[in-house]
Amino acid sequence: MTKAKRIVYRVLRKGDGWDITKDSKPVHLPTISLLDPKTVYVKHARKLARREWANGRPSQLVIHGRTGAIQTEYTYGNDPKRSPG
């Protein structure tokens, strides 16, 4: 049995604002603007990732900080096996 590829959404810094990508491609959301706070982007990205999971596709949300470092991750669907180390 082949596992479905995990769809990865990211909230990233873009200029003076934020952006959402899906598998490295920009996601166009006409309801939010670059001037909205990061929390608005996280809320929308979380909704998109959960929708994928509800439709049977495993997904992940990765939230980056201002410097580009990963702040937090959320996995929806089968969580990858944890390995020691």
PDB file of N, CA and C in Angstrom:
ATOM      1  N   MET A   1       0.837  -1.173   0.000  1.00  0.00           N
ATOM      2  CA  MET A   1       0.000   0.000   0.000  1.00  0.00           C
ATOM      3  C   MET A   1       0.888   1.244   0.000  1.00  0.00           C
ATOM      4  N   THR A   2       0.633   2.193  -0.883  1.00  0.00           N
ATOM      5  CA  THR A   2       1.412   3.410  -1.003  1.00  0.00           C
ATOM      6  C   THR A   2       0.820   4.499  -0.123  1.00  0.00           C
ATOM      7  N   LYS A   3       1.692   5.166   0.641  1.00  0.00           N
ATOM      8  CA  LYS A   3       1.224   6.271   1.469  1.00  0.00           C
ATOM      9  C   LYS A   3       1.031   7.508   0.614  1.00  0.00           C
ATOM     10  N   ALA A   4       0.014   8.281   0.943  1.00  0.00           N
ATOM     11  CA  ALA A   4      -0.235   9.535   0.231  1.00  0.00           C
ATOM     12  C   ALA A   4       0.829  10.549   0.626  1.00  0.00           C
ATOM     13  N   LYS A   5       1.225  11.355  -0.329  1.00  0.00           N
ATOM     14  CA  LYS A   5       2.214  12.394  -0.070  1.00  0.00           C
ATOM     15  C   LYS A   5       1.604  13.448   0.850  1.00  0.00           C
ATOM     16  N   ARG A   6       2.370  13.867   1.835  1.00  0.00           N
ATOM     17  CA  ARG A   6       1.906  14.887   2.772  1.00  0.00           C
ATOM     18  C   ARG A   6       1.943  16.255   2.104  1.00  0.00           C
ATOM     19  N   ILE A   7       0.856  16.990   2.178  1.00  0.00           N
ATOM     20  CA  ILE A   7       0.765  18.344   1.634  1.00  0.00           C
ATOM     21  C   ILE A   7       1.264  19.305   2.700  1.00  0.00           C
ATOM     22  N   VAL A   8       2.220  20.162   2.346  1.00  0.00           N
ATOM     23  CA  VAL A   8       2.831  21.054   3.325  1.00  0.00           C
ATOM     24  C   VAL A   8       2.438  22.504   3.051  1.00  0.00           C
ATOM     25  N   TYR A   9       1.789  23.101   4.025  1.00  0.00           N
ATOM     26  CA  TYR A   9       1.477  24.530   4.005  1.00  0.00           C
ATOM     27  C   TYR A   9       2.493  25.241   4.886  1.00  0.00           C
ATOM     28  N   ARG A  10       2.921  26.427   4.460  1.00  0.00           N
ATOM     29  CA  ARG A  10       3.872  27.213   5.242  1.00  0.00           C
ATOM     30  C   ARG A  10       3.371  28.642   5.366  1.00  0.00           C
ATOM     31  N   VAL A  11       3.610  29.231   6.535  1.00  0.00           N
ATOM     32  CA  VAL A  11       3.397  30.660   6.747  1.00  0.00           C
ATOM     33  C   VAL A  11       4.795  31.257   6.819  1.00  0.00           C
ATOM     34  N   LEU A  12       5.109  32.131   5.853  1.00  0.00           N
ATOM     35  CA  LEU A  12       6.452  32.685   5.696  1.00  0.00           C
ATOM     36  C   LEU A  12       6.419  34.206   5.654  1.00  0.00           C
ATOM     37  N   ARG A  13       7.525  34.803   6.012  1.00  0.00           N
ATOM     38  CA  ARG A  13       7.698  36.254   5.897  1.00  0.00           C
ATOM     39  C   ARG A  13       7.783  36.631   4.419  1.00  0.00           C
ATOM     40  N   LYS A  14       7.090  37.703   4.037  1.00  0.00           N
ATOM     41  CA  LYS A  14       7.157  38.205   2.662  1.00  0.00           C
ATOM     42  C   LYS A  14       7.189  39.724   2.745  1.00  0.00           C
ATOM     43  N   GLY A  15       8.360  40.302   2.509  1.00  0.00           N
ATOM     44  CA  GLY A  15       8.509  41.748   2.611  1.00  0.00           C
ATOM     45  C   GLY A  15       8.182  42.207   4.019  1.00  0.00           C
ATOM     46  N   ASP A  16       7.234  43.128   4.133  1.00  0.00           N
ATOM     47  CA  ASP A  16       6.804  43.616   5.440  1.00  0.00           C
ATOM     48  C   ASP A  16       5.622  42.832   5.992  1.00  0.00           C
ATOM     49  N   GLY A  17       5.177  41.819   5.257  1.00  0.00           N
ATOM     50  CA  GLY A  17       4.008  41.045   5.674  1.00  0.00           C
ATOM     51  C   GLY A  17       4.298  39.563   5.721  1.00  0.00           C
ATOM     52  N   TRP A  18       3.268  38.785   5.441  1.00  0.00           N
ATOM     53  CA  TRP A  18       3.356  37.324   5.510  1.00  0.00           C
ATOM     54  C   TRP A  18       2.740  36.714   4.266  1.00  0.00           C
ATOM     55  N   ASP A  19       3.018  35.431   4.045  1.00  0.00           N
ATOM     56  CA  ASP A  19       2.492  34.723   2.888  1.00  0.00           C
ATOM     57  C   ASP A  19       2.225  33.279   3.277  1.00  0.00           C
ATOM     58  N   ILE A  20       1.353  32.623   2.529  1.00  0.00           N
ATOM     59  CA  ILE A  20       1.071  31.200   2.704  1.00  0.00           C
ATOM     60  C   ILE A  20       1.460  30.490   1.421  1.00  0.00           C
ATOM     61  N   THR A  21       2.175  29.367   1.565  1.00  0.00           N
ATOM     62  CA  THR A  21       2.489  28.544   0.405  1.00  0.00           C
ATOM     63  C   THR A  21       1.940  27.132   0.624  1.00  0.00           C
ATOM     64  N   LYS A  22       1.652  26.465  -0.479  1.00  0.00           N
ATOM     65  CA  LYS A  22       1.232  25.062  -0.465  1.00  0.00           C
ATOM     66  C   LYS A  22       2.216  24.327  -1.352  1.00  0.00           C
ATOM     67  N   ASP A  23       2.997  23.435  -0.756  1.00  0.00           N
ATOM     68  CA  ASP A  23       4.037  22.708  -1.495  1.00  0.00           C
ATOM     69  C   ASP A  23       4.900  23.671  -2.310  1.00  0.00           C
ATOM     70  N   SER A  24       5.347  24.739  -1.673  1.00  0.00           N
ATOM     71  CA  SER A  24       6.268  25.760  -2.223  1.00  0.00           C
ATOM     72  C   SER A  24       5.645  26.693  -3.260  1.00  0.00           C
ATOM     73  N   LYS A  25       4.337  26.591  -3.484  1.00  0.00           N
ATOM     74  CA  LYS A  25       3.662  27.486  -4.436  1.00  0.00           C
ATOM     75  C   LYS A  25       2.768  28.445  -3.657  1.00  0.00           C
ATOM     76  N   PRO A  26       2.750  29.740  -4.030  1.00  0.00           N
ATOM     77  CA  PRO A  26       1.922  30.706  -3.301  1.00  0.00           C
ATOM     78  C   PRO A  26       0.443  30.341  -3.342  1.00  0.00           C
ATOM     79  N   VAL A  27      -0.231  30.588  -2.230  1.00  0.00           N
ATOM     80  CA  VAL A  27      -1.669  30.376  -2.120  1.00  0.00           C
ATOM     81  C   VAL A  27      -2.331  31.744  -2.187  1.00  0.00           C
ATOM     82  N   HIS A  28      -3.244  31.913  -3.128  1.00  0.00           N
ATOM     83  CA  HIS A  28      -3.944  33.194  -3.276  1.00  0.00           C
ATOM     84  C   HIS A  28      -5.196  33.183  -2.418  1.00  0.00           C
ATOM     85  N   LEU A  29      -5.230  34.080  -1.437  1.00  0.00           N
ATOM     86  CA  LEU A  29      -6.400  34.222  -0.573  1.00  0.00           C
ATOM     87  C   LEU A  29      -6.867  35.664  -0.633  1.00  0.00           C
ATOM     88  N   PRO A  30      -7.900  35.951  -1.412  1.00  0.00           N
ATOM     89  CA  PRO A  30      -8.342  37.333  -1.579  1.00  0.00           C
ATOM     90  C   PRO A  30      -8.899  37.969  -0.309  1.00  0.00           C
ATOM     91  N   THR A  31      -9.194  37.161   0.713  1.00  0.00           N
ATOM     92  CA  THR A  31      -9.797  37.706   1.930  1.00  0.00           C
ATOM     93  C   THR A  31      -8.774  38.278   2.906  1.00  0.00           C
ATOM     94  N   ILE A  32      -7.471  38.068   2.654  1.00  0.00           N
ATOM     95  CA  ILE A  32      -6.452  38.619   3.542  1.00  0.00           C
ATOM     96  C   ILE A  32      -5.464  39.452   2.732  1.00  0.00           C
ATOM     97  N   SER A  33      -4.824  40.401   3.403  1.00  0.00           N
ATOM     98  CA  SER A  33      -3.867  41.265   2.717  1.00  0.00           C
ATOM     99  C   SER A  33      -2.510  41.177   3.404  1.00  0.00           C
ATOM    100  N   LEU A  34      -1.477  41.684   2.745  1.00  0.00           N
ATOM    101  CA  LEU A  34      -0.133  41.673   3.310  1.00  0.00           C
ATOM    102  C   LEU A  34      -0.065  42.443   4.628  1.00  0.00           C
ATOM    103  N   LEU A  35      -1.009  43.334   4.862  1.00  0.00           N
ATOM    104  CA  LEU A  35      -0.991  44.144   6.075  1.00  0.00           C
ATOM    105  C   LEU A  35      -1.631  43.455   7.276  1.00  0.00           C
ATOM    106  N   ASP A  36      -2.315  42.325   7.042  1.00  0.00           N
ATOM    107  CA  ASP A  36      -2.924  41.594   8.153  1.00  0.00           C
ATOM    108  C   ASP A  36      -1.834  40.987   9.036  1.00  0.00           C
ATOM    109  N   PRO A  37      -2.114  40.836  10.339  1.00  0.00           N
ATOM    110  CA  PRO A  37      -1.112  40.252  11.232  1.00  0.00           C
ATOM    111  C   PRO A  37      -0.886  38.767  10.935  1.00  0.00           C
ATOM    112  N   LYS A  38       0.220  38.280  11.419  1.00  0.00           N
ATOM    113  CA  LYS A  38       0.606  36.884  11.198  1.00  0.00           C
ATOM    114  C   LYS A  38      -0.477  35.918  11.682  1.00  0.00           C
ATOM    115  N   THR A  39      -1.147  36.245  12.767  1.00  0.00           N
ATOM    116  CA  THR A  39      -2.166  35.349  13.310  1.00  0.00           C
ATOM    117  C   THR A  39      -3.284  35.072  12.311  1.00  0.00           C
ATOM    118  N   VAL A  40      -3.602  36.046  11.473  1.00  0.00           N
ATOM    119  CA  VAL A  40      -4.627  35.859  10.435  1.00  0.00           C
ATOM    120  C   VAL A  40      -4.143  34.828   9.414  1.00  0.00           C
ATOM    121  N   TYR A  41      -2.884  34.909   9.032  1.00  0.00           N
ATOM    122  CA  TYR A  41      -2.317  33.954   8.082  1.00  0.00           C
ATOM    123  C   TYR A  41      -2.282  32.549   8.670  1.00  0.00           C
ATOM    124  N   VAL A  42      -1.877  32.447   9.934  1.00  0.00           N
ATOM    125  CA  VAL A  42      -1.818  31.142  10.593  1.00  0.00           C
ATOM    126  C   VAL A  42      -3.216  30.527  10.651  1.00  0.00           C
ATOM    127  N   LYS A  43      -4.216  31.323  10.989  1.00  0.00           N
ATOM    128  CA  LYS A  43      -5.599  30.833  11.067  1.00  0.00           C
ATOM    129  C   LYS A  43      -6.053  30.271   9.721  1.00  0.00           C
ATOM    130  N   HIS A  44      -5.791  31.008   8.638  1.00  0.00           N
ATOM    131  CA  HIS A  44      -6.203  30.551   7.305  1.00  0.00           C
ATOM    132  C   HIS A  44      -5.418  29.311   6.875  1.00  0.00           C
ATOM    133  N   ALA A  45      -4.112  29.305   7.126  1.00  0.00           N
ATOM    134  CA  ALA A  45      -3.292  28.150   6.747  1.00  0.00           C
ATOM    135  C   ALA A  45      -3.717  26.908   7.515  1.00  0.00           C
ATOM    136  N   ARG A  46      -4.032  27.065   8.787  1.00  0.00           N
ATOM    137  CA  ARG A  46      -4.485  25.935   9.599  1.00  0.00           C
ATOM    138  C   ARG A  46      -5.797  25.381   9.045  1.00  0.00           C
ATOM    139  N   LYS A  47      -6.687  26.263   8.649  1.00  0.00           N
ATOM    140  CA  LYS A  47      -7.969  25.846   8.075  1.00  0.00           C
ATOM    141  C   LYS A  47      -7.745  25.052   6.778  1.00  0.00           C
ATOM    142  N   LEU A  48      -6.816  25.525   5.937  1.00  0.00           N
ATOM    143  CA  LEU A  48      -6.510  24.832   4.678  1.00  0.00           C
ATOM    144  C   LEU A  48      -5.917  23.449   4.938  1.00  0.00           C
ATOM    145  N   ALA A  49      -4.979  23.354   5.886  1.00  0.00           N
ATOM    146  CA  ALA A  49      -4.345  22.072   6.187  1.00  0.00           C
ATOM    147  C   ALA A  49      -5.356  21.084   6.770  1.00  0.00           C
ATOM    148  N   ARG A  50      -6.220  21.561   7.643  1.00  0.00           N
ATOM    149  CA  ARG A  50      -7.250  20.689   8.221  1.00  0.00           C
ATOM    150  C   ARG A  50      -8.245  20.221   7.164  1.00  0.00           C
ATOM    151  N   ARG A  51      -8.538  21.077   6.203  1.00  0.00           N
ATOM    152  CA  ARG A  51      -9.456  20.695   5.117  1.00  0.00           C
ATOM    153  C   ARG A  51      -8.851  19.554   4.289  1.00  0.00           C
ATOM    154  N   GLU A  52      -7.552  19.632   4.016  1.00  0.00           N
ATOM    155  CA  GLU A  52      -6.875  18.542   3.287  1.00  0.00           C
ATOM    156  C   GLU A  52      -7.039  17.235   4.054  1.00  0.00           C
ATOM    157  N   TRP A  53      -6.783  17.294   5.365  1.00  0.00           N
ATOM    158  CA  TRP A  53      -6.877  16.111   6.212  1.00  0.00           C
ATOM    159  C   TRP A  53      -8.299  15.561   6.217  1.00  0.00           C
ATOM    160  N   ALA A  54      -9.291  16.441   6.296  1.00  0.00           N
ATOM    161  CA  ALA A  54     -10.691  16.010   6.295  1.00  0.00           C
ATOM    162  C   ALA A  54     -11.061  15.322   4.982  1.00  0.00           C
ATOM    163  N   ASN A  55     -10.358  15.676   3.904  1.00  0.00           N
ATOM    164  CA  ASN A  55     -10.595  15.061   2.592  1.00  0.00           C
ATOM    165  C   ASN A  55      -9.698  13.849   2.347  1.00  0.00           C
ATOM    166  N   GLY A  56      -9.058  13.349   3.407  1.00  0.00           N
ATOM    167  CA  GLY A  56      -8.276  12.117   3.308  1.00  0.00           C
ATOM    168  C   GLY A  56      -6.843  12.285   2.863  1.00  0.00           C
ATOM    169  N   ARG A  57      -6.348  13.511   2.816  1.00  0.00           N
ATOM    170  CA  ARG A  57      -4.955  13.748   2.418  1.00  0.00           C
ATOM    171  C   ARG A  57      -4.175  14.243   3.629  1.00  0.00           C
ATOM    172  N   PRO A  58      -3.117  13.523   4.027  1.00  0.00           N
ATOM    173  CA  PRO A  58      -2.319  13.994   5.159  1.00  0.00           C
ATOM    174  C   PRO A  58      -1.685  15.341   4.834  1.00  0.00           C
ATOM    175  N   SER A  59      -1.594  16.204   5.847  1.00  0.00           N
ATOM    176  CA  SER A  59      -1.036  17.530   5.612  1.00  0.00           C
ATOM    177  C   SER A  59      -0.227  17.985   6.820  1.00  0.00           C
ATOM    178  N   GLN A  60       0.466  19.093   6.616  1.00  0.00           N
ATOM    179  CA  GLN A  60       1.300  19.658   7.667  1.00  0.00           C
ATOM    180  C   GLN A  60       1.287  21.174   7.527  1.00  0.00           C
ATOM    181  N   LEU A  61       1.333  21.863   8.648  1.00  0.00           N
ATOM    182  CA  LEU A  61       1.450  23.309   8.667  1.00  0.00           C
ATOM    183  C   LEU A  61       2.756  23.656   9.359  1.00  0.00           C
ATOM    184  N   VAL A  62       3.616  24.401   8.666  1.00  0.00           N
ATOM    185  CA  VAL A  62       4.905  24.831   9.210  1.00  0.00           C
ATOM    186  C   VAL A  62       4.859  26.352   9.305  1.00  0.00           C
ATOM    187  N   ILE A  63       5.076  26.872  10.507  1.00  0.00           N
ATOM    188  CA  ILE A  63       5.033  28.313  10.733  1.00  0.00           C
ATOM    189  C   ILE A  63       6.448  28.818  10.976  1.00  0.00           C
ATOM    190  N   HIS A  64       6.855  29.785  10.153  1.00  0.00           N
ATOM    191  CA  HIS A  64       8.188  30.365  10.252  1.00  0.00           C
ATOM    192  C   HIS A  64       8.110  31.721  10.948  1.00  0.00           C
ATOM    193  N   GLY A  65       9.212  32.103  11.587  1.00  0.00           N
ATOM    194  CA  GLY A  65       9.299  33.413  12.222  1.00  0.00           C
ATOM    195  C   GLY A  65       9.850  34.455  11.261  1.00  0.00           C
ATOM    196  N   ARG A  66      10.090  35.648  11.768  1.00  0.00           N
ATOM    197  CA  ARG A  66      10.611  36.753  10.950  1.00  0.00           C
ATOM    198  C   ARG A  66      11.952  36.433  10.294  1.00  0.00           C
ATOM    199  N   THR A  67      12.785  35.635  10.972  1.00  0.00           N
ATOM    200  CA  THR A  67      14.107  35.307  10.440  1.00  0.00           C
ATOM    201  C   THR A  67      14.075  34.127   9.478  1.00  0.00           C
ATOM    202  N   GLY A  68      12.940  33.464   9.377  1.00  0.00           N
ATOM    203  CA  GLY A  68      12.823  32.302   8.502  1.00  0.00           C
ATOM    204  C   GLY A  68      12.947  30.982   9.239  1.00  0.00           C
ATOM    205  N   ALA A  69      13.360  31.033  10.507  1.00  0.00           N
ATOM    206  CA  ALA A  69      13.476  29.805  11.293  1.00  0.00           C
ATOM    207  C   ALA A  69      12.085  29.245  11.595  1.00  0.00           C
ATOM    208  N   ILE A  70      11.994  27.924  11.669  1.00  0.00           N
ATOM    209  CA  ILE A  70      10.720  27.278  11.972  1.00  0.00           C
ATOM    210  C   ILE A  70      10.376  27.530  13.435  1.00  0.00           C
ATOM    211  N   GLN A  71       9.168  28.045  13.678  1.00  0.00           N
ATOM    212  CA  GLN A  71       8.698  28.278  15.043  1.00  0.00           C
ATOM    213  C   GLN A  71       7.918  27.089  15.571  1.00  0.00           C
ATOM    214  N   THR A  72       7.036  26.568  14.731  1.00  0.00           N
ATOM    215  CA  THR A  72       6.211  25.438  15.162  1.00  0.00           C
ATOM    216  C   THR A  72       5.682  24.690  13.943  1.00  0.00           C
ATOM    217  N   GLU A  73       5.285  23.439  14.183  1.00  0.00           N
ATOM    218  CA  GLU A  73       4.737  22.596  13.115  1.00  0.00           C
ATOM    219  C   GLU A  73       3.513  21.872  13.643  1.00  0.00           C
ATOM    220  N   TYR A  74       2.543  21.690  12.777  1.00  0.00           N
ATOM    221  CA  TYR A  74       1.352  20.905  13.089  1.00  0.00           C
ATOM    222  C   TYR A  74       1.193  19.856  12.005  1.00  0.00           C
ATOM    223  N   THR A  75       0.973  18.607  12.422  1.00  0.00           N
ATOM    224  CA  THR A  75       0.797  17.513  11.476  1.00  0.00           C
ATOM    225  C   THR A  75      -0.634  17.021  11.569  1.00  0.00           C
ATOM    226  N   TYR A  76      -1.284  16.890  10.422  1.00  0.00           N
ATOM    227  CA  TYR A  76      -2.660  16.405  10.360  1.00  0.00           C
ATOM    228  C   TYR A  76      -2.656  15.095   9.570  1.00  0.00           C
ATOM    229  N   GLY A  77      -3.213  14.064  10.177  1.00  0.00           N
ATOM    230  CA  GLY A  77      -3.165  12.743   9.561  1.00  0.00           C
ATOM    231  C   GLY A  77      -2.139  11.893  10.285  1.00  0.00           C
ATOM    232  N   ASN A  78      -1.632  10.885   9.631  1.00  0.00           N
ATOM    233  CA  ASN A  78      -0.665   9.998  10.257  1.00  0.00           C
ATOM    234  C   ASN A  78       0.626  10.743  10.547  1.00  0.00           C
ATOM    235  N   ASP A  79       0.972  10.794  11.822  1.00  0.00           N
ATOM    236  CA  ASP A  79       2.197  11.454  12.243  1.00  0.00           C
ATOM    237  C   ASP A  79       3.379  10.572  11.876  1.00  0.00           C
ATOM    238  N   PRO A  80       4.465  11.161  11.329  1.00  0.00           N
ATOM    239  CA  PRO A  80       5.621  10.353  10.986  1.00  0.00           C
ATOM    240  C   PRO A  80       6.174   9.637  12.221  1.00  0.00           C
ATOM    241  N   LYS A  81       6.720   8.457  12.019  1.00  0.00           N
ATOM    242  CA  LYS A  81       7.287   7.675  13.111  1.00  0.00           C
ATOM    243  C   LYS A  81       8.444   8.445  13.743  1.00  0.00           C
ATOM    244  N   ARG A  82       8.431   8.540  15.043  1.00  0.00           N
ATOM    245  CA  ARG A  82       9.511   9.214  15.770  1.00  0.00           C
ATOM    246  C   ARG A  82      10.700   8.276  15.867  1.00  0.00           C
ATOM    247  N   SER A  83      11.887   8.833  15.649  1.00  0.00           N
ATOM    248  CA  SER A  83      13.090   8.032  15.788  1.00  0.00           C
ATOM    249  C   SER A  83      13.965   8.643  16.873  1.00  0.00           C
ATOM    250  N   PRO A  84      14.687   7.804  17.612  1.00  0.00           N
ATOM    251  CA  PRO A  84      15.521   8.337  18.679  1.00  0.00           C
ATOM    252  C   PRO A  84      16.632   9.227  18.128  1.00  0.00           C
ATOM    253  N   GLY A  85      17.003  10.213  18.925  1.00  0.00           N
ATOM    254  CA  GLY A  85      18.134  11.048  18.518  1.00  0.00           C
ATOM    255  C   GLY A  85      17.779  12.392  18.288  1.00  0.00           C
TER     256      GLY A  85
END
